Amino acid sequence: MQFTGVSADLHNFCACAKRTDENAVQDFYWTFDDKVTKYACDRYLARNTGNKEWDQCKDCRMDVQTMDLNRGTPSCFSPGYHMGGDEFDYYCGLRGLQGYCKSIGAKQG
């Protein structure tokens, strides 16, 4: 069997956070970091590693979104769904955190 394409899990909202040891059902499971999220978003905006959708994010910008029940969490937003979860996680990891990504709404186009 031969595969001719690569499928990526693309998102339109991502933030950097630390997982807590709290009970995920009763308490917030993530602690988000605004400064590290901005750092990662800026890195993704400057990213140019190829021609796949996740290789560039010229529409990345900071916005707010509900992340893990945290309303108004500063997050990196890509209207065109150009953020790969692994790639965003890499940039968060440069500052010791993990990427938390989600897709909201239907991708246009």
PDB file of N, CA and C in Angstrom:
ATOM      1  N   MET A   1       0.844  -1.172   0.000  1.00  0.00           N
ATOM      2  CA  MET A   1       0.000   0.000   0.000  1.00  0.00           C
ATOM      3  C   MET A   1       0.892   1.238   0.000  1.00  0.00           C
ATOM      4  N   GLN A   2       0.554   2.174  -0.817  1.00  0.00           N
ATOM      5  CA  GLN A   2       1.331   3.408  -0.918  1.00  0.00           C
ATOM      6  C   GLN A   2       0.441   4.596  -0.583  1.00  0.00           C
ATOM      7  N   PHE A   3       0.993   5.490   0.233  1.00  0.00           N
ATOM      8  CA  PHE A   3       0.277   6.713   0.582  1.00  0.00           C
ATOM      9  C   PHE A   3       0.849   7.852  -0.238  1.00  0.00           C
ATOM     10  N   THR A   4      -0.022   8.652  -0.798  1.00  0.00           N
ATOM     11  CA  THR A   4       0.452   9.746  -1.647  1.00  0.00           C
ATOM     12  C   THR A   4       0.310  11.104  -0.987  1.00  0.00           C
ATOM     13  N   GLY A   5      -0.383  11.189   0.127  1.00  0.00           N
ATOM     14  CA  GLY A   5      -0.574  12.484   0.778  1.00  0.00           C
ATOM     15  C   GLY A   5      -0.353  12.393   2.270  1.00  0.00           C
ATOM     16  N   VAL A   6      -0.213  13.530   2.871  1.00  0.00           N
ATOM     17  CA  VAL A   6      -0.041  13.605   4.313  1.00  0.00           C
ATOM     18  C   VAL A   6      -1.237  14.337   4.884  1.00  0.00           C
ATOM     19  N   SER A   7      -1.802  13.777   5.922  1.00  0.00           N
ATOM     20  CA  SER A   7      -2.928  14.418   6.586  1.00  0.00           C
ATOM     21  C   SER A   7      -2.440  15.015   7.898  1.00  0.00           C
ATOM     22  N   ALA A   8      -2.841  16.222   8.168  1.00  0.00           N
ATOM     23  CA  ALA A   8      -2.426  16.890   9.398  1.00  0.00           C
ATOM     24  C   ALA A   8      -3.651  17.292  10.197  1.00  0.00           C
ATOM     25  N   ASP A   9      -3.482  17.342  11.492  1.00  0.00           N
ATOM     26  CA  ASP A   9      -4.529  17.802  12.387  1.00  0.00           C
ATOM     27  C   ASP A   9      -4.353  19.304  12.545  1.00  0.00           C
ATOM     28  N   LEU A  10      -5.127  20.078  11.802  1.00  0.00           N
ATOM     29  CA  LEU A  10      -4.972  21.533  11.780  1.00  0.00           C
ATOM     30  C   LEU A  10      -6.022  22.207  12.656  1.00  0.00           C
ATOM     31  N   HIS A  11      -5.620  23.312  13.269  1.00  0.00           N
ATOM     32  CA  HIS A  11      -6.467  24.002  14.240  1.00  0.00           C
ATOM     33  C   HIS A  11      -6.536  25.490  13.948  1.00  0.00           C
ATOM     34  N   ASN A  12      -7.540  26.139  14.538  1.00  0.00           N
ATOM     35  CA  ASN A  12      -7.610  27.597  14.406  1.00  0.00           C
ATOM     36  C   ASN A  12      -7.378  28.323  15.733  1.00  0.00           C
ATOM     37  N   PHE A  13      -7.323  27.605  16.854  1.00  0.00           N
ATOM     38  CA  PHE A  13      -6.985  28.212  18.141  1.00  0.00           C
ATOM     39  C   PHE A  13      -5.983  27.337  18.877  1.00  0.00           C
ATOM     40  N   CYS A  14      -4.909  27.955  19.380  1.00  0.00           N
ATOM     41  CA  CYS A  14      -3.919  27.245  20.191  1.00  0.00           C
ATOM     42  C   CYS A  14      -3.430  28.160  21.311  1.00  0.00           C
ATOM     43  N   ALA A  15      -3.057  27.561  22.416  1.00  0.00           N
ATOM     44  CA  ALA A  15      -2.481  28.296  23.545  1.00  0.00           C
ATOM     45  C   ALA A  15      -1.442  27.406  24.213  1.00  0.00           C
ATOM     46  N   CYS A  16      -0.565  28.010  24.995  1.00  0.00           N
ATOM     47  CA  CYS A  16       0.460  27.271  25.732  1.00  0.00           C
ATOM     48  C   CYS A  16       0.030  27.149  27.185  1.00  0.00           C
ATOM     49  N   ALA A  17       0.224  25.965  27.738  1.00  0.00           N
ATOM     50  CA  ALA A  17      -0.249  25.721  29.093  1.00  0.00           C
ATOM     51  C   ALA A  17       0.566  24.633  29.777  1.00  0.00           C
ATOM     52  N   LYS A  18       0.314  24.514  31.070  1.00  0.00           N
ATOM     53  CA  LYS A  18       0.889  23.437  31.864  1.00  0.00           C
ATOM     54  C   LYS A  18      -0.266  22.600  32.372  1.00  0.00           C
ATOM     55  N   ARG A  19      -0.157  21.294  32.212  1.00  0.00           N
ATOM     56  CA  ARG A  19      -1.177  20.406  32.764  1.00  0.00           C
ATOM     57  C   ARG A  19      -1.029  20.372  34.277  1.00  0.00           C
ATOM     58  N   THR A  20      -2.151  20.394  34.966  1.00  0.00           N
ATOM     59  CA  THR A  20      -2.118  20.307  36.420  1.00  0.00           C
ATOM     60  C   THR A  20      -2.434  18.885  36.842  1.00  0.00           C
ATOM     61  N   ASP A  21      -2.257  18.609  38.110  1.00  0.00           N
ATOM     62  CA  ASP A  21      -2.584  17.292  38.650  1.00  0.00           C
ATOM     63  C   ASP A  21      -3.993  17.264  39.213  1.00  0.00           C
ATOM     64  N   GLU A  22      -4.777  18.267  38.875  1.00  0.00           N
ATOM     65  CA  GLU A  22      -6.142  18.360  39.384  1.00  0.00           C
ATOM     66  C   GLU A  22      -7.039  17.331  38.695  1.00  0.00           C
ATOM     67  N   ASN A  23      -8.173  17.089  39.290  1.00  0.00           N
ATOM     68  CA  ASN A  23      -9.176  16.211  38.725  1.00  0.00           C
ATOM     69  C   ASN A  23      -9.813  16.925  37.537  1.00  0.00           C
ATOM     70  N   ALA A  24      -9.691  16.353  36.363  1.00  0.00           N
ATOM     71  CA  ALA A  24     -10.172  17.010  35.145  1.00  0.00           C
ATOM     72  C   ALA A  24     -11.687  17.199  35.138  1.00  0.00           C
ATOM     73  N   VAL A  25     -12.417  16.412  35.904  1.00  0.00           N
ATOM     74  CA  VAL A  25     -13.871  16.525  35.928  1.00  0.00           C
ATOM     75  C   VAL A  25     -14.306  17.688  36.821  1.00  0.00           C
ATOM     76  N   GLN A  26     -13.619  17.902  37.931  1.00  0.00           N
ATOM     77  CA  GLN A  26     -14.046  18.899  38.907  1.00  0.00           C
ATOM     78  C   GLN A  26     -13.289  20.214  38.822  1.00  0.00           C
ATOM     79  N   ASP A  27     -12.095  20.198  38.322  1.00  0.00           N
ATOM     80  CA  ASP A  27     -11.246  21.390  38.329  1.00  0.00           C
ATOM     81  C   ASP A  27     -10.657  21.640  36.949  1.00  0.00           C
ATOM     82  N   PHE A  28     -10.135  22.837  36.755  1.00  0.00           N
ATOM     83  CA  PHE A  28      -9.426  23.132  35.513  1.00  0.00           C
ATOM     84  C   PHE A  28      -8.221  22.217  35.406  1.00  0.00           C
ATOM     85  N   TYR A  29      -7.984  21.684  34.234  1.00  0.00           N
ATOM     86  CA  TYR A  29      -6.911  20.729  34.014  1.00  0.00           C
ATOM     87  C   TYR A  29      -5.668  21.402  33.451  1.00  0.00           C
ATOM     88  N   TRP A  30      -5.799  22.620  32.958  1.00  0.00           N
ATOM     89  CA  TRP A  30      -4.686  23.340  32.346  1.00  0.00           C
ATOM     90  C   TRP A  30      -4.534  24.718  32.976  1.00  0.00           C
ATOM     91  N   THR A  31      -3.283  25.151  33.128  1.00  0.00           N
ATOM     92  CA  THR A  31      -2.978  26.516  33.543  1.00  0.00           C
ATOM     93  C   THR A  31      -2.324  27.191  32.349  1.00  0.00           C
ATOM     94  N   PHE A  32      -2.989  28.188  31.791  1.00  0.00           N
ATOM     95  CA  PHE A  32      -2.522  28.832  30.563  1.00  0.00           C
ATOM     96  C   PHE A  32      -1.563  29.972  30.867  1.00  0.00           C
ATOM     97  N   ASP A  33      -0.618  30.195  29.947  1.00  0.00           N
ATOM     98  CA  ASP A  33       0.392  31.240  30.107  1.00  0.00           C
ATOM     99  C   ASP A  33       0.316  32.188  28.915  1.00  0.00           C
ATOM    100  N   ASP A  34      -0.148  33.409  29.175  1.00  0.00           N
ATOM    101  CA  ASP A  34      -0.356  34.394  28.108  1.00  0.00           C
ATOM    102  C   ASP A  34       0.942  34.751  27.387  1.00  0.00           C
ATOM    103  N   LYS A  35       2.016  34.976  28.146  1.00  0.00           N
ATOM    104  CA  LYS A  35       3.284  35.400  27.540  1.00  0.00           C
ATOM    105  C   LYS A  35       3.885  34.314  26.662  1.00  0.00           C
ATOM    106  N   VAL A  36       3.834  33.076  27.128  1.00  0.00           N
ATOM    107  CA  VAL A  36       4.387  31.979  26.330  1.00  0.00           C
ATOM    108  C   VAL A  36       3.512  31.727  25.105  1.00  0.00           C
ATOM    109  N   THR A  37       2.200  31.893  25.244  1.00  0.00           N
ATOM    110  CA  THR A  37       1.312  31.756  24.087  1.00  0.00           C
ATOM    111  C   THR A  37       1.654  32.801  23.032  1.00  0.00           C
ATOM    112  N   LYS A  38       1.873  34.040  23.451  1.00  0.00           N
ATOM    113  CA  LYS A  38       2.256  35.096  22.498  1.00  0.00           C
ATOM    114  C   LYS A  38       3.593  34.766  21.851  1.00  0.00           C
ATOM    115  N   TYR A  39       4.543  34.274  22.635  1.00  0.00           N
ATOM    116  CA  TYR A  39       5.851  33.857  22.114  1.00  0.00           C
ATOM    117  C   TYR A  39       5.665  32.801  21.013  1.00  0.00           C
ATOM    118  N   ALA A  40       4.874  31.767  21.309  1.00  0.00           N
ATOM    119  CA  ALA A  40       4.646  30.688  20.346  1.00  0.00           C
ATOM    120  C   ALA A  40       3.902  31.193  19.111  1.00  0.00           C
ATOM    121  N   CYS A  41       2.933  32.073  19.310  1.00  0.00           N
ATOM    122  CA  CYS A  41       2.161  32.620  18.193  1.00  0.00           C
ATOM    123  C   CYS A  41       3.061  33.443  17.271  1.00  0.00           C
ATOM    124  N   ASP A  42       3.926  34.251  17.868  1.00  0.00           N
ATOM    125  CA  ASP A  42       4.867  35.044  17.066  1.00  0.00           C
ATOM    126  C   ASP A  42       5.805  34.141  16.273  1.00  0.00           C
ATOM    127  N   ARG A  43       6.262  33.041  16.890  1.00  0.00           N
ATOM    128  CA  ARG A  43       7.152  32.104  16.191  1.00  0.00           C
ATOM    129  C   ARG A  43       6.419  31.430  15.029  1.00  0.00           C
ATOM    130  N   TYR A  44       5.158  31.068  15.276  1.00  0.00           N
ATOM    131  CA  TYR A  44       4.394  30.413  14.207  1.00  0.00           C
ATOM    132  C   TYR A  44       4.110  31.398  13.075  1.00  0.00           C
ATOM    133  N   LEU A  45       3.847  32.641  13.403  1.00  0.00           N
ATOM    134  CA  LEU A  45       3.627  33.672  12.381  1.00  0.00           C
ATOM    135  C   LEU A  45       4.861  33.819  11.489  1.00  0.00           C
ATOM    136  N   ALA A  46       6.048  33.719  12.070  1.00  0.00           N
ATOM    137  CA  ALA A  46       7.304  33.869  11.320  1.00  0.00           C
ATOM    138  C   ALA A  46       7.738  32.568  10.644  1.00  0.00           C
ATOM    139  N   ARG A  47       7.067  31.477  10.934  1.00  0.00           N
ATOM    140  CA  ARG A  47       7.431  30.149  10.427  1.00  0.00           C
ATOM    141  C   ARG A  47       7.310  30.096   8.903  1.00  0.00           C
ATOM    142  N   ASN A  48       8.305  29.479   8.271  1.00  0.00           N
ATOM    143  CA  ASN A  48       8.281  29.250   6.827  1.00  0.00           C
ATOM    144  C   ASN A  48       9.158  28.039   6.551  1.00  0.00           C
ATOM    145  N   THR A  49       8.583  26.853   6.769  1.00  0.00           N
ATOM    146  CA  THR A  49       9.367  25.621   6.669  1.00  0.00           C
ATOM    147  C   THR A  49       8.995  24.752   5.467  1.00  0.00           C
ATOM    148  N   GLY A  50       8.159  25.253   4.585  1.00  0.00           N
ATOM    149  CA  GLY A  50       7.772  24.467   3.421  1.00  0.00           C
ATOM    150  C   GLY A  50       6.469  24.955   2.828  1.00  0.00           C
ATOM    151  N   ASN A  51       5.797  24.055   2.107  1.00  0.00           N
ATOM    152  CA  ASN A  51       4.580  24.434   1.392  1.00  0.00           C
ATOM    153  C   ASN A  51       3.310  23.736   1.878  1.00  0.00           C
ATOM    154  N   LYS A  52       3.399  23.006   2.974  1.00  0.00           N
ATOM    155  CA  LYS A  52       2.201  22.382   3.541  1.00  0.00           C
ATOM    156  C   LYS A  52       1.420  23.444   4.315  1.00  0.00           C
ATOM    157  N   GLU A  53       0.138  23.193   4.552  1.00  0.00           N
ATOM    158  CA  GLU A  53      -0.705  24.183   5.246  1.00  0.00           C
ATOM    159  C   GLU A  53      -0.135  24.596   6.599  1.00  0.00           C
ATOM    160  N   TRP A  54       0.474  23.667   7.317  1.00  0.00           N
ATOM    161  CA  TRP A  54       0.986  23.935   8.657  1.00  0.00           C
ATOM    162  C   TRP A  54       2.398  24.516   8.657  1.00  0.00           C
ATOM    163  N   ASP A  55       3.023  24.638   7.490  1.00  0.00           N
ATOM    164  CA  ASP A  55       4.394  25.156   7.398  1.00  0.00           C
ATOM    165  C   ASP A  55       4.469  26.677   7.503  1.00  0.00           C
ATOM    166  N   GLN A  56       3.366  27.344   7.247  1.00  0.00           N
ATOM    167  CA  GLN A  56       3.311  28.807   7.319  1.00  0.00           C
ATOM    168  C   GLN A  56       1.970  29.210   7.933  1.00  0.00           C
ATOM    169  N   CYS A  57       1.989  30.293   8.671  1.00  0.00           N
ATOM    170  CA  CYS A  57       0.739  30.795   9.260  1.00  0.00           C
ATOM    171  C   CYS A  57       0.755  32.311   9.183  1.00  0.00           C
ATOM    172  N   LYS A  58       0.570  32.809   7.984  1.00  0.00           N
ATOM    173  CA  LYS A  58       0.611  34.260   7.780  1.00  0.00           C
ATOM    174  C   LYS A  58      -0.595  34.967   8.390  1.00  0.00           C
ATOM    175  N   ASP A  59      -1.622  34.188   8.782  1.00  0.00           N
ATOM    176  CA  ASP A  59      -2.797  34.806   9.403  1.00  0.00           C
ATOM    177  C   ASP A  59      -2.833  34.609  10.925  1.00  0.00           C
ATOM    178  N   CYS A  60      -1.773  34.074  11.517  1.00  0.00           N
ATOM    179  CA  CYS A  60      -1.726  33.891  12.976  1.00  0.00           C
ATOM    180  C   CYS A  60      -1.740  35.239  13.685  1.00  0.00           C
ATOM    181  N   ARG A  61      -2.586  35.329  14.705  1.00  0.00           N
ATOM    182  CA  ARG A  61      -2.641  36.549  15.517  1.00  0.00           C
ATOM    183  C   ARG A  61      -3.248  36.189  16.873  1.00  0.00           C
ATOM    184  N   MET A  62      -3.004  37.036  17.840  1.00  0.00           N
ATOM    185  CA  MET A  62      -3.550  36.798  19.172  1.00  0.00           C
ATOM    186  C   MET A  62      -5.030  37.196  19.221  1.00  0.00           C
ATOM    187  N   ASP A  63      -5.800  36.396  19.939  1.00  0.00           N
ATOM    188  CA  ASP A  63      -7.223  36.619  20.151  1.00  0.00           C
ATOM    189  C   ASP A  63      -7.564  35.974  21.497  1.00  0.00           C
ATOM    190  N   VAL A  64      -8.822  35.827  21.813  1.00  0.00           N
ATOM    191  CA  VAL A  64      -9.221  35.125  23.035  1.00  0.00           C
ATOM    192  C   VAL A  64     -10.218  34.028  22.683  1.00  0.00           C
ATOM    193  N   GLN A  65     -10.234  32.981  23.505  1.00  0.00           N
ATOM    194  CA  GLN A  65     -11.124  31.853  23.287  1.00  0.00           C
ATOM    195  C   GLN A  65     -11.307  31.137  24.621  1.00  0.00           C
ATOM    196  N   THR A  66     -12.373  30.376  24.748  1.00  0.00           N
ATOM    197  CA  THR A  66     -12.557  29.533  25.923  1.00  0.00           C
ATOM    198  C   THR A  66     -11.725  28.278  25.732  1.00  0.00           C
ATOM    199  N   MET A  67     -10.776  28.073  26.631  1.00  0.00           N
ATOM    200  CA  MET A  67      -9.902  26.900  26.579  1.00  0.00           C
ATOM    201  C   MET A  67     -10.051  26.149  27.898  1.00  0.00           C
ATOM    202  N   ASP A  68     -10.444  24.903  27.845  1.00  0.00           N
ATOM    203  CA  ASP A  68     -10.601  24.064  29.031  1.00  0.00           C
ATOM    204  C   ASP A  68     -11.424  24.781  30.107  1.00  0.00           C
ATOM    205  N   LEU A  69     -12.536  25.340  29.730  1.00  0.00           N
ATOM    206  CA  LEU A  69     -13.478  26.066  30.597  1.00  0.00           C
ATOM    207  C   LEU A  69     -12.969  27.421  31.069  1.00  0.00           C
ATOM    208  N   ASN A  70     -11.791  27.833  30.637  1.00  0.00           N
ATOM    209  CA  ASN A  70     -11.240  29.145  30.986  1.00  0.00           C
ATOM    210  C   ASN A  70     -11.680  30.147  29.926  1.00  0.00           C
ATOM    211  N   ARG A  71     -12.682  30.947  30.235  1.00  0.00           N
ATOM    212  CA  ARG A  71     -13.183  31.932  29.268  1.00  0.00           C
ATOM    213  C   ARG A  71     -12.187  33.062  29.082  1.00  0.00           C
ATOM    214  N   GLY A  72     -12.102  33.560  27.867  1.00  0.00           N
ATOM    215  CA  GLY A  72     -11.243  34.700  27.579  1.00  0.00           C
ATOM    216  C   GLY A  72      -9.758  34.398  27.648  1.00  0.00           C
ATOM    217  N   THR A  73      -9.381  33.161  27.375  1.00  0.00           N
ATOM    218  CA  THR A  73      -7.964  32.788  27.399  1.00  0.00           C
ATOM    219  C   THR A  73      -7.261  33.374  26.179  1.00  0.00           C
ATOM    220  N   PRO A  74      -6.207  34.183  26.367  1.00  0.00           N
ATOM    221  CA  PRO A  74      -5.434  34.660  25.217  1.00  0.00           C
ATOM    222  C   PRO A  74      -4.892  33.463  24.437  1.00  0.00           C
ATOM    223  N   SER A  75      -5.184  33.436  23.149  1.00  0.00           N
ATOM    224  CA  SER A  75      -4.853  32.295  22.301  1.00  0.00           C
ATOM    225  C   SER A  75      -4.356  32.772  20.948  1.00  0.00           C
ATOM    226  N   CYS A  76      -3.587  31.923  20.296  1.00  0.00           N
ATOM    227  CA  CYS A  76      -3.161  32.196  18.926  1.00  0.00           C
ATOM    228  C   CYS A  76      -4.306  31.765  18.009  1.00  0.00           C
ATOM    229  N   PHE A  77      -4.694  32.621  17.091  1.00  0.00           N
ATOM    230  CA  PHE A  77      -5.840  32.375  16.220  1.00  0.00           C
ATOM    231  C   PHE A  77      -5.406  32.403  14.765  1.00  0.00           C
ATOM    232  N   SER A  78      -5.813  31.386  14.023  1.00  0.00           N
ATOM    233  CA  SER A  78      -5.562  31.311  12.586  1.00  0.00           C
ATOM    234  C   SER A  78      -6.897  31.070  11.886  1.00  0.00           C
ATOM    235  N   PRO A  79      -7.510  32.120  11.306  1.00  0.00           N
ATOM    236  CA  PRO A  79      -8.786  31.935  10.613  1.00  0.00           C
ATOM    237  C   PRO A  79      -8.715  30.870   9.518  1.00  0.00           C
ATOM    238  N   GLY A  80      -7.545  30.680   8.925  1.00  0.00           N
ATOM    239  CA  GLY A  80      -7.380  29.708   7.849  1.00  0.00           C
ATOM    240  C   GLY A  80      -6.969  28.322   8.300  1.00  0.00           C
ATOM    241  N   TYR A  81      -6.988  28.052   9.616  1.00  0.00           N
ATOM    242  CA  TYR A  81      -6.627  26.732  10.159  1.00  0.00           C
ATOM    243  C   TYR A  81      -5.228  26.300   9.709  1.00  0.00           C
ATOM    244  N   HIS A  82      -4.236  27.149   9.918  1.00  0.00           N
ATOM    245  CA  HIS A  82      -2.878  26.829   9.486  1.00  0.00           C
ATOM    246  C   HIS A  82      -1.990  26.276  10.588  1.00  0.00           C
ATOM    247  N   MET A  83      -2.507  26.116  11.800  1.00  0.00           N
ATOM    248  CA  MET A  83      -1.663  25.656  12.900  1.00  0.00           C
ATOM    249  C   MET A  83      -1.775  24.152  13.104  1.00  0.00           C
ATOM    250  N   GLY A  84      -0.635  23.489  13.040  1.00  0.00           N
ATOM    251  CA  GLY A  84      -0.558  22.079  13.385  1.00  0.00           C
ATOM    252  C   GLY A  84      -0.341  21.952  14.886  1.00  0.00           C
ATOM    253  N   GLY A  85      -0.997  21.001  15.508  1.00  0.00           N
ATOM    254  CA  GLY A  85      -0.861  20.820  16.951  1.00  0.00           C
ATOM    255  C   GLY A  85       0.555  20.487  17.378  1.00  0.00           C
ATOM    256  N   ASP A  86       1.224  19.595  16.641  1.00  0.00           N
ATOM    257  CA  ASP A  86       2.603  19.227  16.979  1.00  0.00           C
ATOM    258  C   ASP A  86       3.533  20.419  16.846  1.00  0.00           C
ATOM    259  N   GLU A  87       3.325  21.201  15.810  1.00  0.00           N
ATOM    260  CA  GLU A  87       4.182  22.357  15.568  1.00  0.00           C
ATOM    261  C   GLU A  87       3.992  23.418  16.655  1.00  0.00           C
ATOM    262  N   PHE A  88       2.746  23.686  17.021  1.00  0.00           N
ATOM    263  CA  PHE A  88       2.507  24.676  18.073  1.00  0.00           C
ATOM    264  C   PHE A  88       3.050  24.163  19.401  1.00  0.00           C
ATOM    265  N   ASP A  89       2.879  22.886  19.659  1.00  0.00           N
ATOM    266  CA  ASP A  89       3.410  22.275  20.876  1.00  0.00           C
ATOM    267  C   ASP A  89       4.931  22.447  20.953  1.00  0.00           C
ATOM    268  N   TYR A  90       5.599  22.349  19.822  1.00  0.00           N
ATOM    269  CA  TYR A  90       7.055  22.547  19.776  1.00  0.00           C
ATOM    270  C   TYR A  90       7.426  23.942  20.284  1.00  0.00           C
ATOM    271  N   TYR A  91       6.732  24.966  19.794  1.00  0.00           N
ATOM    272  CA  TYR A  91       7.044  26.339  20.210  1.00  0.00           C
ATOM    273  C   TYR A  91       6.738  26.557  21.691  1.00  0.00           C
ATOM    274  N   CYS A  92       5.660  25.984  22.192  1.00  0.00           N
ATOM    275  CA  CYS A  92       5.365  26.064  23.631  1.00  0.00           C
ATOM    276  C   CYS A  92       6.455  25.341  24.424  1.00  0.00           C
ATOM    277  N   GLY A  93       6.893  24.203  23.892  1.00  0.00           N
ATOM    278  CA  GLY A  93       7.919  23.406  24.557  1.00  0.00           C
ATOM    279  C   GLY A  93       9.239  24.132  24.710  1.00  0.00           C
ATOM    280  N   LEU A  94       9.525  25.077  23.825  1.00  0.00           N
ATOM    281  CA  LEU A  94      10.751  25.866  23.950  1.00  0.00           C
ATOM    282  C   LEU A  94      10.756  26.683  25.239  1.00  0.00           C
ATOM    283  N   ARG A  95       9.591  26.877  25.828  1.00  0.00           N
ATOM    284  CA  ARG A  95       9.456  27.613  27.092  1.00  0.00           C
ATOM    285  C   ARG A  95       8.933  26.706  28.213  1.00  0.00           C
ATOM    286  N   GLY A  96       9.019  25.395  28.000  1.00  0.00           N
ATOM    287  CA  GLY A  96       8.682  24.439  29.048  1.00  0.00           C
ATOM    288  C   GLY A  96       7.210  24.125  29.226  1.00  0.00           C
ATOM    289  N   LEU A  97       6.374  24.499  28.263  1.00  0.00           N
ATOM    290  CA  LEU A  97       4.941  24.226  28.363  1.00  0.00           C
ATOM    291  C   LEU A  97       4.480  23.327  27.225  1.00  0.00           C
ATOM    292  N   GLN A  98       3.207  23.006  27.219  1.00  0.00           N
ATOM    293  CA  GLN A  98       2.610  22.185  26.169  1.00  0.00           C
ATOM    294  C   GLN A  98       1.612  23.008  25.369  1.00  0.00           C
ATOM    295  N   GLY A  99       1.416  22.603  24.124  1.00  0.00           N
ATOM    296  CA  GLY A  99       0.403  23.243  23.306  1.00  0.00           C
ATOM    297  C   GLY A  99      -0.967  22.648  23.582  1.00  0.00           C
ATOM    298  N   TYR A 100      -1.969  23.499  23.607  1.00  0.00           N
ATOM    299  CA  TYR A 100      -3.363  23.096  23.768  1.00  0.00           C
ATOM    300  C   TYR A 100      -4.092  23.708  22.584  1.00  0.00           C
ATOM    301  N   CYS A 101      -4.534  22.874  21.653  1.00  0.00           N
ATOM    302  CA  CYS A 101      -5.151  23.376  20.421  1.00  0.00           C
ATOM    303  C   CYS A 101      -6.559  22.832  20.263  1.00  0.00           C
ATOM    304  N   LYS A 102      -7.381  23.613  19.580  1.00  0.00           N
ATOM    305  CA  LYS A 102      -8.734  23.171  19.269  1.00  0.00           C
ATOM    306  C   LYS A 102      -9.189  23.812  17.966  1.00  0.00           C
ATOM    307  N   SER A 103     -10.175  23.201  17.378  1.00  0.00           N
ATOM    308  CA  SER A 103     -10.762  23.716  16.140  1.00  0.00           C
ATOM    309  C   SER A 103     -12.206  24.091  16.431  1.00  0.00           C
ATOM    310  N   ILE A 104     -12.550  25.325  16.114  1.00  0.00           N
ATOM    311  CA  ILE A 104     -13.885  25.833  16.399  1.00  0.00           C
ATOM    312  C   ILE A 104     -14.524  26.278  15.095  1.00  0.00           C
ATOM    313  N   GLY A 105     -15.694  25.750  14.806  1.00  0.00           N
ATOM    314  CA  GLY A 105     -16.381  26.109  13.570  1.00  0.00           C
ATOM    315  C   GLY A 105     -15.839  25.320  12.392  1.00  0.00           C
ATOM    316  N   ALA A 106     -16.443  25.525  11.268  1.00  0.00           N
ATOM    317  CA  ALA A 106     -16.041  24.833  10.050  1.00  0.00           C
ATOM    318  C   ALA A 106     -15.004  25.654   9.296  1.00  0.00           C
ATOM    319  N   LYS A 107     -14.017  24.969   8.774  1.00  0.00           N
ATOM    320  CA  LYS A 107     -13.001  25.639   7.965  1.00  0.00           C
ATOM    321  C   LYS A 107     -13.653  26.135   6.687  1.00  0.00           C
ATOM    322  N   GLN A 108     -13.391  27.381   6.356  1.00  0.00           N
ATOM    323  CA  GLN A 108     -13.945  27.988   5.143  1.00  0.00           C
ATOM    324  C   GLN A 108     -13.002  27.766   3.967  1.00  0.00           C
ATOM    325  N   GLY A 109     -13.567  27.573   2.799  1.00  0.00           N
ATOM    326  CA  GLY A 109     -12.757  27.482   1.596  1.00  0.00           C
ATOM    327  C   GLY A 109     -12.535  26.125   1.204  1.00  0.00           C
TER     328      GLY A 109
END
